[in-house]
Amino acid sequence: MSKFTSKDVEVLKREIDHWEGKFSMEAFVAHVAKVLNFNKLSKGTIYNLMKDYPEVKQRVEAARERYRDQKDNSAVKDVDDQLLNEAREQVKKLKAEVGSLKKENSMLQEKIIQMLYNAYYEKVNISNLKRPVDRQEAVKALSERASQEKVAFFDQPLPPK
């Protein structure tokens, strides 16, 4: 105990604060012996220092707690990484689904335009409603009405009667 000066204790505290990884007393004693240039240093000496200097004991406990937290955080990080990858996969699937739904929506809009056009100019029956039409021609015809009657779907004037 007598070979430790107050400067040595400060160095010891600094080394504890900068310790990374698992805090084992054997590894720490070997490291401190190198740093302080001691030929022989025992775990008992460090334990006695911890009794005499409560701040050293507190720092050792904090170093051990940091390691435990690091371990827990790495496990949580692995779970977070897995969750992030699952979320990315789900986003990819949802984007593909949105693309399909947009195509389906576009096709349905084409059919509605076709049906509105055919219903207006022909006698209304299923075979006439299914007749294909040019989209641009249908939209143009449905929107060029002199009166201000509106087609609810397009909010545009109806074609001439």
Foldseek 3Di string as FASTA:
>chain_A
DVVADVVLVVVLLVCLQPDDAADDLVVSQVVSCVVVVPPDDDSVVLVVVCVVDVSSVVSNVVSNVVNVVVVVVVVVVVVVVVVVVVVVVVVVVVVVVVVVVVVVVVVVVQLVLLQLQQVVPHPDDDVSSRDHDDNVVSVVQQQPDPDCPADVVVRHHGHHD
